[in-house]
Protein backbone atom coordinates (compact mmCIF):
# COMPACT_ATOMS: atom_id res chain seq x y z
CA MET A 1 0.00 0.00 0.00
CA TYR A 2 1.31 3.46 -0.91
CA PRO A 3 2.22 5.54 2.17
CA TRP A 4 -0.33 8.33 1.60
CA LEU A 5 -0.29 9.59 5.19
CA ARG A 6 3.49 9.93 5.10
CA LEU A 7 3.25 11.88 1.82
CA ILE A 8 0.60 14.22 3.24
CA ARG A 9 2.65 14.81 6.41
CA VAL A 10 5.77 15.64 4.37
CA LEU A 11 3.87 18.01 2.07
CA PHE A 12 2.43 19.85 5.09
CA THR A 13 6.00 20.59 6.20
CA VAL A 14 6.45 22.69 3.03
CA ILE A 15 3.83 25.23 4.12
CA GLY A 16 5.49 28.53 4.93
CA LYS A 17 8.94 27.46 3.84
CA PRO A 18 10.77 29.54 1.23
CA ARG A 19 11.19 28.26 -2.28
CA ILE A 20 14.56 26.72 -3.10
CA ASP A 21 16.56 27.11 -6.29
CA LEU A 22 15.70 24.70 -9.12
CA LEU A 23 19.15 23.12 -8.81
CA GLY A 24 19.09 23.21 -5.01
CA SER A 25 18.68 20.19 -2.76
CA ALA A 26 15.63 19.46 -0.64
CA ARG A 27 15.98 17.27 2.43
CA ILE A 28 13.46 15.31 4.42
CA GLN A 29 13.77 12.99 7.42
CA LEU A 30 11.77 9.77 7.53
CA ARG A 31 11.57 7.00 10.08
CA VAL A 32 11.38 3.36 9.01
CA TRP A 33 8.19 1.70 10.24
CA PRO A 34 7.51 -2.06 10.42
CA ASN A 35 5.18 -1.85 7.38
CA ASP A 36 8.21 -0.66 5.32
CA LEU A 37 10.00 -3.99 5.87
CA ASP A 38 10.19 -7.18 3.84
CA LEU A 39 10.69 -10.77 5.01
CA ASN A 40 14.39 -10.02 5.63
CA LEU A 41 13.33 -7.28 8.09
CA HIS A 42 14.83 -4.40 6.14
CA VAL A 43 13.26 -1.77 3.89
CA ASN A 44 12.12 -3.44 0.69
CA ASN A 45 12.97 -2.14 -2.76
CA ALA A 46 9.40 -1.01 -3.50
CA ARG A 47 9.32 1.10 -0.33
CA TYR A 48 12.63 2.75 -1.29
CA LEU A 49 10.93 3.82 -4.53
CA ALA A 50 7.86 5.08 -2.63
CA MET A 51 10.05 7.01 -0.19
CA ALA A 52 11.91 8.53 -3.15
CA ASP A 53 8.50 9.52 -4.64
CA ILE A 54 7.69 11.35 -1.41
CA ALA A 55 11.07 13.07 -1.42
CA ARG A 56 10.57 14.15 -5.07
CA ALA A 57 7.12 15.53 -4.23
CA HIS A 58 8.72 17.55 -1.43
CA TRP A 59 11.45 18.77 -3.80
CA ALA A 60 8.84 19.65 -6.47
CA ALA A 61 6.83 21.66 -3.95
CA ARG A 62 9.92 23.50 -2.62
CA THR A 63 11.27 24.38 -6.10
CA GLY A 64 7.93 25.48 -7.57
CA ILE A 65 7.70 22.58 -10.03
CA PHE A 66 4.54 21.36 -8.31
CA ALA A 67 2.88 24.77 -8.82
CA ILE A 68 3.83 24.72 -12.51
CA ALA A 69 2.37 21.23 -12.87
CA ARG A 70 -0.90 22.40 -11.33
CA LYS A 71 -1.00 25.53 -13.52
CA LYS A 72 -0.33 23.49 -16.69
CA ARG A 73 -2.59 20.65 -15.54
CA ALA A 74 0.38 18.36 -15.92
CA LEU A 75 1.56 15.29 -14.07
CA PHE A 76 5.12 14.41 -13.21
CA ILE A 77 5.64 11.14 -15.07
CA VAL A 78 8.54 8.87 -14.15
CA GLY A 79 9.77 7.21 -17.33
CA ASP A 80 12.54 5.08 -15.89
CA VAL A 81 14.13 4.34 -12.52
CA LEU A 82 17.64 3.35 -11.52
CA ALA A 83 18.25 2.27 -7.92
CA LYS A 84 21.44 1.44 -6.06
CA PHE A 85 21.15 -0.12 -2.60
CA ARG A 86 24.34 -0.09 -0.51
CA HIS A 87 23.20 -0.77 3.06
CA GLY A 88 19.92 -1.87 4.58
CA LEU A 89 17.50 0.16 6.67
CA LYS A 90 15.86 -1.54 9.63
CA ALA A 91 12.75 -0.76 11.68
CA PHE A 92 12.70 2.53 13.57
CA GLU A 93 15.91 3.86 11.99
CA ASN A 94 15.84 7.42 10.72
CA VAL A 95 16.97 8.24 7.21
CA GLU A 96 17.51 11.56 5.52
CA ILE A 97 16.62 11.78 1.84
CA GLU A 98 18.30 14.51 -0.20
CA THR A 99 16.69 15.16 -3.58
CA ARG A 100 17.98 17.32 -6.41
CA LEU A 101 17.67 17.88 -10.12
CA LEU A 102 20.84 16.73 -11.87
CA GLY A 103 19.93 18.35 -15.20
CA TRP A 104 17.92 17.80 -18.34
CA ASP A 105 18.11 17.01 -22.03
CA ARG A 106 15.63 17.64 -24.88
CA LYS A 107 13.02 15.39 -23.31
CA TRP A 108 13.95 14.17 -19.84
CA GLY A 109 14.71 15.67 -16.47
CA TYR A 110 17.07 13.64 -14.28
CA VAL A 111 16.38 13.69 -10.54
CA GLU A 112 18.19 11.77 -7.82
CA SER A 113 17.22 11.00 -4.24
CA ARG A 114 20.07 10.03 -1.94
CA PHE A 115 19.27 8.05 1.21
CA ILE A 116 21.68 9.15 3.94
CA ARG A 117 22.27 7.63 7.37
CA ASN A 118 25.15 8.59 9.68
CA ASP A 119 26.58 10.85 6.94
CA ARG A 120 26.85 7.92 4.50
CA VAL A 121 24.89 7.41 1.29
CA ILE A 122 23.20 4.05 1.77
CA GLY A 123 21.14 4.13 -1.41
CA ILE A 124 20.24 6.22 -4.43
CA VAL A 125 17.07 6.27 -6.51
CA ALA A 126 17.49 8.16 -9.79
CA ILE A 127 14.75 8.79 -12.30
CA ARG A 128 14.29 10.35 -15.68
CA GLY A 129 10.91 11.96 -15.96
CA VAL A 130 8.78 14.58 -17.68
CA LEU A 131 5.92 16.92 -16.88
CA GLN A 132 3.12 15.64 -19.11
CA GLY A 133 -0.02 17.69 -19.67
CA ALA A 134 -3.13 17.28 -21.81
CA LYS A 135 -1.36 19.23 -24.58
CA GLY A 136 1.81 17.15 -24.37
CA ARG A 137 5.13 17.43 -22.61
CA VAL A 138 5.98 20.68 -20.81
CA ASP A 139 9.45 21.56 -22.09
CA ALA A 140 12.38 22.84 -20.04
CA ASP A 141 12.18 26.40 -21.43
CA THR A 142 8.54 26.67 -20.32
CA ILE A 143 9.44 25.43 -16.84
CA LEU A 144 12.36 27.85 -16.61
CA GLY A 145 10.13 30.72 -17.76
CA GLU A 146 7.47 29.84 -15.19
CA LEU A 147 10.16 29.87 -12.50
CA SER A 148 11.20 33.37 -13.70
CA ILE A 149 14.62 32.14 -14.76
CA SER A 150 15.56 34.48 -17.57
CA GLY A 151 16.59 33.19 -20.94
CA SER A 152 17.11 29.59 -21.85
CA MET A 153 19.35 28.39 -19.04
CA PRO A 154 21.41 25.41 -20.16
CA SER A 155 21.36 22.23 -18.15
CA PRO A 156 24.32 21.65 -15.89
CA PRO A 157 26.58 18.92 -17.28
CA LEU A 158 24.92 15.60 -16.54
CA PRO A 159 26.98 12.95 -14.73
CA THR A 160 28.46 10.42 -17.13
CA TRP A 161 26.37 7.57 -15.73
CA THR A 162 23.19 9.33 -16.96
CA ARG A 163 24.27 8.71 -20.58
CA ASP A 164 24.53 4.98 -19.88
CA PHE A 165 21.18 5.07 -18.04
CA HIS A 166 19.56 6.92 -20.94
CA GLY A 167 21.07 4.54 -23.51
CA ALA A 168 19.98 1.43 -21.63
CA CYS A 169 16.42 2.76 -21.23
CA GLU A 170 16.17 3.68 -24.91
CA ALA A 171 17.53 0.25 -25.94
CA MET A 172 14.93 -1.46 -23.76
CA SER A 173 12.15 0.70 -25.24
CA GLU A 174 13.30 -0.15 -28.77
CA LEU A 175 13.34 -3.85 -27.92
CA LEU A 176 9.75 -3.65 -26.64
CA ARG A 177 8.62 -1.75 -29.77
CA GLU A 178 10.23 -4.42 -31.99
CA GLU A 179 8.53 -7.22 -30.02
CA GLU A 180 5.15 -5.48 -30.34
CA PHE A 181 5.67 -4.95 -34.06
CA ALA A 182 6.62 -8.62 -34.53
CA ARG A 183 3.45 -9.67 -32.70
CA GLY A 184 1.32 -7.31 -34.82
CA LEU A 185 0.46 -5.12 -31.84
CA ARG A 186 1.81 -1.89 -33.31
CA ASP A 187 2.55 -0.22 -36.60
CA GLN A 188 6.30 0.14 -37.04
CA MET A 189 5.87 3.83 -37.94
CA LEU A 190 4.13 4.72 -34.66
CA ALA A 191 6.01 6.96 -32.29
CA PRO A 192 7.27 5.40 -29.02
């Protein structure tokens, strides 16, 4: 079950706080509860993703991205996820999640959430996502303009691993399109 109450509690903490820079980091503290655990008695991989969702919602509210999404009637769509788990989290431990925008390309924004305990990164959940509205994708220039960032600010240089992540995701998408075409489920000329 998705942790709706935890999400609502975190979003209430944003009220009255100043907006942070688009490339700034937002931090939240969460406690691990027994319902976050798997049979091995540590946080399961699905809950890491849900906790990262909550941290991204907090970041989106603090940066103003959430307000833009509401204004444009757009949803933040996660296209792909990459997760790295280094150390386990057990019941009742506290974890800090630091979320930031790494940068963007023509289509995707790359956001990472770092799980930190005792000053060590114990896991990272990285996504590539878009703001998708009824009229299509909201592009980076529109987002920058809505945030009153003058001109067309270029993306910071993306970490090298994002190229591999992007390439692997695109290769997997192409494989699925080819399988669907071979099974007669799609016209080869259709867009992804």
